[in-house]
């Protein structure tokens, strides 16, 4: 029973990450370049960003936090994250935990301060460049942190397989 719950938790973790990471890719590489020259660009990007932000903050981040914590507990047997470092997968989990906190901070800055300010300035025909650039930088850093998290997750998976098989 415990292993089935773990497998469901891993699935939910990968699913939530896929929605978050895929959403960032879609918005930055497909949607934004496609509508950038449109007159209603600020309104479209505002609606999409607000909807994606709600999904991120009320579904994706909580699922990632709870499932990540549970998965690390299952792998290490330790409830205290600072005890995870006693185990090989736990060391990686601890790094991911800290990166996740950084992603939360940067996402909050992007979603609640820089992004809305840039859209507000675009709508009022003011100069939004400073906020657009800062928002873009924060978004790119979060994207890169997401790639690092993905790589660390894959390493944890491979390490887990090797430890179970005794290789």
Protein backbone atom coordinates (compact mmCIF):
# COMPACT_ATOMS: atom_id res chain seq x y z
CA UNK A 1 0.00 0.00 0.00
CA UNK A 2 2.78 2.41 0.95
CA UNK A 3 4.56 1.83 -2.36
CA UNK A 4 1.36 2.50 -4.35
CA UNK A 5 0.91 5.83 -2.56
CA UNK A 6 4.54 6.64 -3.35
CA UNK A 7 4.00 5.83 -7.04
CA UNK A 8 0.90 8.06 -7.14
CA UNK A 9 2.88 10.83 -5.44
CA UNK A 10 5.71 10.51 -7.98
CA UNK A 11 3.16 10.62 -10.82
CA UNK A 12 1.51 13.75 -9.37
CA UNK A 13 4.93 15.36 -8.91
CA UNK A 14 5.95 14.73 -12.52
CA UNK A 15 2.50 15.78 -13.78
CA UNK A 16 2.53 19.07 -11.85
CA UNK A 17 6.08 19.85 -12.97
CA UNK A 18 5.13 19.10 -16.58
CA UNK A 19 2.20 21.54 -16.44
CA UNK A 20 4.37 24.27 -14.88
CA UNK A 21 7.36 23.80 -17.15
CA UNK A 22 5.27 23.20 -20.27
CA UNK A 23 3.22 26.30 -19.51
CA UNK A 24 6.35 28.41 -19.25
CA UNK A 25 7.60 27.02 -22.56
CA UNK A 26 4.26 27.64 -24.28
CA UNK A 27 3.89 31.21 -23.02
CA UNK A 28 7.48 32.26 -23.72
CA UNK A 29 8.18 30.45 -26.98
CA UNK A 30 4.77 30.27 -28.67
CA UNK A 31 2.14 32.64 -27.27
CA UNK A 32 4.23 35.74 -26.55
CA UNK A 33 6.07 35.84 -29.92
CA UNK A 34 2.80 35.14 -31.76
CA UNK A 35 0.89 38.05 -30.26
CA UNK A 36 3.68 40.55 -29.56
CA UNK A 37 2.80 42.90 -32.41
CA UNK A 38 -0.93 42.87 -31.79
CA UNK A 39 -2.65 45.95 -30.43
CA UNK A 40 -4.34 43.89 -27.71
CA UNK A 41 -1.07 42.22 -26.61
CA UNK A 42 -1.20 43.65 -23.04
CA UNK A 43 -4.77 42.41 -22.49
CA UNK A 44 -4.07 38.92 -23.86
CA UNK A 45 -0.85 38.45 -21.93
CA UNK A 46 -2.54 39.79 -18.78
CA UNK A 47 -5.43 37.28 -19.01
CA UNK A 48 -3.15 34.33 -19.81
CA UNK A 49 -0.61 35.24 -17.12
CA UNK A 50 -3.30 35.66 -14.45
CA UNK A 51 -4.91 32.30 -15.29
CA UNK A 52 -1.57 30.49 -15.41
CA UNK A 53 -0.54 32.17 -12.16
CA UNK A 54 -3.71 30.95 -10.40
CA UNK A 55 -3.11 27.40 -11.61
CA UNK A 56 0.52 27.64 -10.54
CA UNK A 57 -0.08 29.02 -7.05
CA UNK A 58 -3.24 27.06 -6.15
CA UNK A 59 -2.46 23.71 -7.77
CA UNK A 60 1.04 23.22 -9.15
CA UNK A 61 3.20 24.62 -6.34
CA UNK A 62 1.21 22.95 -3.53
CA UNK A 63 1.27 19.60 -5.36
CA UNK A 64 5.00 19.93 -6.04
CA UNK A 65 5.69 20.81 -2.41
CA UNK A 66 3.58 18.05 -0.84
CA UNK A 67 4.55 15.33 -3.31
CA UNK A 68 8.22 16.33 -3.26
CA UNK A 69 8.26 16.25 0.52
CA UNK A 70 6.48 12.88 0.60
CA UNK A 71 8.76 11.41 -2.08
CA UNK A 72 11.84 12.52 -0.16
CA UNK A 73 10.43 11.11 3.07
CA UNK A 74 9.74 7.80 1.31
CA UNK A 75 13.30 7.67 -0.08
CA UNK A 76 15.05 8.62 3.17
CA UNK A 77 12.67 7.65 5.97
CA UNK A 78 13.28 11.07 7.51
CA UNK A 79 10.56 13.67 8.04
CA UNK A 80 13.06 16.48 8.78
CA UNK A 81 14.43 17.81 5.46
CA UNK A 82 17.77 18.60 7.11
CA UNK A 83 18.18 14.91 7.94
CA UNK A 84 17.75 13.92 4.27
CA UNK A 85 21.40 14.73 3.56
CA UNK A 86 22.42 11.51 5.32
CA UNK A 87 21.28 9.59 2.24
CA UNK A 88 22.43 9.86 -1.39
CA UNK A 89 18.96 10.61 -2.85
CA UNK A 90 18.29 12.84 0.16
CA UNK A 91 21.24 15.08 -0.66
CA UNK A 92 19.76 15.75 -4.08
CA UNK A 93 16.30 16.16 -2.54
CA UNK A 94 17.68 18.79 -0.17
CA UNK A 95 19.22 20.72 -3.07
CA UNK A 96 15.89 20.49 -4.94
CA UNK A 97 14.06 21.69 -1.83
CA UNK A 98 16.24 24.81 -1.64
CA UNK A 99 15.91 25.43 -5.38
CA UNK A 100 12.14 25.10 -5.02
CA UNK A 101 12.11 27.80 -2.33
CA UNK A 102 14.14 30.04 -4.68
CA UNK A 103 11.67 29.31 -7.50
CA UNK A 104 8.78 30.28 -5.21
CA UNK A 105 10.45 33.58 -4.32
CA UNK A 106 11.26 34.41 -7.95
CA UNK A 107 7.79 33.36 -9.09
CA UNK A 108 6.19 35.60 -6.49
CA UNK A 109 8.35 38.51 -7.63
CA UNK A 110 7.49 37.80 -11.27
CA UNK A 111 3.78 37.05 -10.83
CA UNK A 112 2.81 39.66 -8.25
CA UNK A 113 5.19 42.56 -8.83
CA UNK A 114 7.16 42.76 -12.10
CA UNK A 115 4.70 41.17 -14.53
CA UNK A 116 1.60 43.06 -13.39
CA UNK A 117 3.53 46.34 -13.32
CA UNK A 118 4.80 45.78 -16.87
CA UNK A 119 1.27 45.00 -18.11
CA UNK A 120 -0.14 48.02 -16.28
CA UNK A 121 2.43 50.30 -17.94
CA UNK A 122 1.80 48.73 -21.37
CA UNK A 123 -1.95 49.29 -21.01
CA UNK A 124 -1.41 52.95 -20.11
CA UNK A 125 1.02 53.43 -23.03
CA UNK A 126 3.79 54.30 -20.57
CA UNK A 127 7.32 52.93 -20.89
CA UNK A 128 7.25 49.37 -19.51
CA UNK A 129 10.76 48.39 -20.69
CA UNK A 130 12.39 48.29 -17.25
CA UNK A 131 9.70 46.01 -15.83
CA UNK A 132 9.45 43.91 -19.01
CA UNK A 133 13.19 43.29 -18.97
CA UNK A 134 13.28 42.47 -15.26
CA UNK A 135 10.25 40.23 -15.62
CA UNK A 136 11.90 38.48 -18.56
CA UNK A 137 15.13 37.96 -16.65
CA UNK A 138 13.31 36.53 -13.63
CA UNK A 139 11.24 34.29 -15.93
CA UNK A 140 14.38 33.01 -17.69
CA UNK A 141 16.13 32.33 -14.39
CA UNK A 142 13.08 30.37 -13.22
CA UNK A 143 13.10 28.45 -16.50
CA UNK A 144 16.79 27.57 -16.01
CA UNK A 145 16.11 26.55 -12.41
CA UNK A 146 13.32 24.35 -13.77
CA UNK A 147 15.82 22.64 -16.09
CA UNK A 148 18.18 22.10 -13.14
CA UNK A 149 15.29 20.63 -11.14
CA UNK A 150 14.42 18.31 -14.03
CA UNK A 151 18.03 17.10 -14.30
CA UNK A 152 18.24 16.56 -10.54
CA UNK A 153 14.96 14.63 -10.63
CA UNK A 154 16.34 12.37 -13.37
CA UNK A 155 19.56 11.86 -11.38
CA UNK A 156 17.48 10.94 -8.31
CA UNK A 157 15.49 8.46 -10.37
CA UNK A 158 18.62 6.83 -11.81
CA UNK A 159 20.30 6.82 -8.40
CA UNK A 160 17.21 5.21 -6.88
CA UNK A 161 17.20 2.48 -9.54
CA UNK A 162 20.91 1.82 -9.03
CA UNK A 163 20.55 1.65 -5.24
CA UNK A 164 17.57 -0.71 -5.45
CA UNK A 165 19.38 -3.01 -7.89
CA UNK A 166 22.58 -2.87 -5.88
CA UNK A 167 24.71 -1.62 -8.78
